[in-house]
Protein backbone atom coordinates (compact mmCIF):
# COMPACT_ATOMS: atom_id res chain seq x y z
CA MET A 1 -0.03 0.17 -0.16
CA THR A 2 1.32 3.25 -1.05
CA VAL A 3 0.80 6.12 1.51
CA HIS A 4 0.60 9.66 -0.61
CA PRO A 5 0.95 13.21 1.20
CA PRO A 6 -2.17 14.81 1.51
CA THR A 7 -3.90 16.82 -1.36
CA PRO A 8 -3.41 20.59 -0.76
CA PRO A 9 -6.57 22.71 -1.03
CA PRO A 10 -7.20 24.19 -4.04
CA LEU A 11 -6.04 27.60 -5.41
CA PRO A 12 -8.56 30.28 -5.42
CA ALA A 13 -9.67 32.58 -8.20
CA LEU A 14 -6.88 35.37 -8.07
CA THR A 15 -6.40 38.11 -10.72
CA ARG A 16 -2.92 37.79 -12.18
CA ALA A 17 -1.69 40.64 -10.20
CA GLU A 18 -2.81 39.32 -7.09
CA GLY A 19 -1.34 35.57 -8.14
CA ALA A 20 2.03 37.61 -8.62
CA TYR A 21 1.91 39.39 -5.28
CA VAL A 22 1.24 36.12 -3.58
CA ASP A 23 4.48 34.43 -5.52
CA ALA A 24 6.71 37.58 -4.92
CA TYR A 25 5.48 37.69 -1.23
CA LEU A 26 6.26 33.73 -0.98
CA ALA A 27 9.64 34.11 -2.62
CA ALA A 28 10.86 37.01 -0.52
CA ALA A 29 9.74 34.92 2.86
CA ASP A 30 11.94 32.10 1.49
CA LEU A 31 14.94 34.34 1.25
CA LEU A 32 14.10 35.83 4.16
CA GLY A 33 14.41 32.32 6.04
CA ARG A 34 17.40 31.58 4.61
CA ALA A 35 18.88 34.86 5.67
CA ASN A 36 17.56 34.43 9.02
CA PRO A 37 20.55 34.98 11.73
CA ALA A 38 18.59 32.85 13.98
CA ARG A 39 18.41 29.82 11.61
CA THR A 40 21.12 29.82 9.17
CA ALA A 41 24.98 28.48 9.53
CA HIS A 42 26.76 29.74 6.83
CA THR A 43 27.32 33.68 5.96
CA TYR A 44 27.71 32.94 1.90
CA GLY A 45 24.12 31.23 2.05
CA ALA A 46 22.84 34.21 4.11
CA LEU A 47 24.61 36.54 1.52
CA ARG A 48 23.29 35.07 -1.70
CA ALA A 49 19.48 34.92 -0.13
CA ALA A 50 19.54 38.87 0.80
CA GLN A 51 21.47 39.47 -2.73
CA ALA A 52 18.37 37.50 -4.39
CA LEU A 53 15.86 39.33 -1.92
CA VAL A 54 16.76 43.02 -3.81
CA ALA A 55 15.06 41.54 -6.92
CA GLN A 56 11.84 40.02 -5.15
CA ALA A 57 11.36 43.18 -3.50
CA THR A 58 11.01 44.87 -6.84
CA ALA A 59 8.98 42.02 -8.02
CA LEU A 60 6.72 42.30 -4.80
CA ARG A 61 6.63 46.22 -5.54
CA ASP A 62 5.57 46.02 -8.97
CA ALA A 63 2.80 43.44 -8.31
CA LEU A 64 1.19 45.57 -5.79
CA THR A 65 1.63 48.83 -7.96
CA LEU A 66 -0.18 46.97 -10.88
CA MET A 67 -2.90 45.86 -8.79
CA HIS A 68 -3.19 49.69 -7.61
CA ARG A 69 -3.14 50.88 -11.05
CA ARG A 70 -6.13 48.25 -12.20
CA GLY A 71 -8.23 49.57 -9.04
CA GLU A 72 -7.30 46.63 -6.86
CA HIS A 73 -7.50 48.61 -3.66
CA GLU A 74 -8.83 46.74 -1.48
CA MET A 75 -6.83 43.49 -0.17
CA HIS A 76 -8.92 40.32 -0.23
CA VAL A 77 -7.52 39.00 2.98
CA ALA A 78 -9.31 35.50 3.13
CA THR A 79 -8.62 34.31 -0.47
CA LEU A 80 -5.13 35.50 -0.47
CA ALA A 81 -4.98 33.31 2.91
CA ARG A 82 -6.46 30.66 1.40
CA ALA A 83 -3.84 30.93 -1.57
CA LEU A 84 -1.05 31.15 0.94
CA ARG A 85 -2.02 28.00 2.48
CA ALA A 86 -2.60 26.53 -0.86
CA LEU A 87 0.83 27.23 -1.61
CA ASP A 88 2.47 26.02 1.75
CA GLY A 89 2.91 29.58 2.86
CA GLU A 90 2.80 28.19 6.59
CA ARG A 91 5.82 26.17 6.43
CA ARG A 92 7.56 28.74 3.88
CA THR A 93 7.03 31.23 6.42
CA GLU A 94 7.82 29.57 9.44
CA ARG A 95 11.74 30.30 9.10
CA VAL A 96 11.50 33.82 9.21
CA THR A 97 10.58 33.67 12.78
CA MET A 98 12.75 32.79 15.87
CA PRO A 99 12.94 29.20 16.55
CA HIS A 100 11.43 27.89 19.18
CA ASP A 101 13.59 27.50 22.77
CA PRO A 102 13.99 23.90 23.41
CA PRO A 103 12.54 22.88 26.59
CA GLY A 104 14.64 22.32 29.68
């Protein structure tokens, strides 16, 4: 019997700009996690992540600018949160935070 991982929830319908926003946000979070001083062991990897973060911040800004120019002034928080969850956002943003202290 083969055990398969659980099927992720379906991605909600998003505008193209909202999709770019979510993608850029998660990519930036991934990079911040790689640069997190409380979670990284090597300066080179953190440096590379910090260098790539500049481009990702630009992509994030561009997605939000496009949303604003198209008249998308309100964030649909529940929908965007569902998209983040569908794209494994909880795990991907976990590395940005401080690790829990071990008990004892």
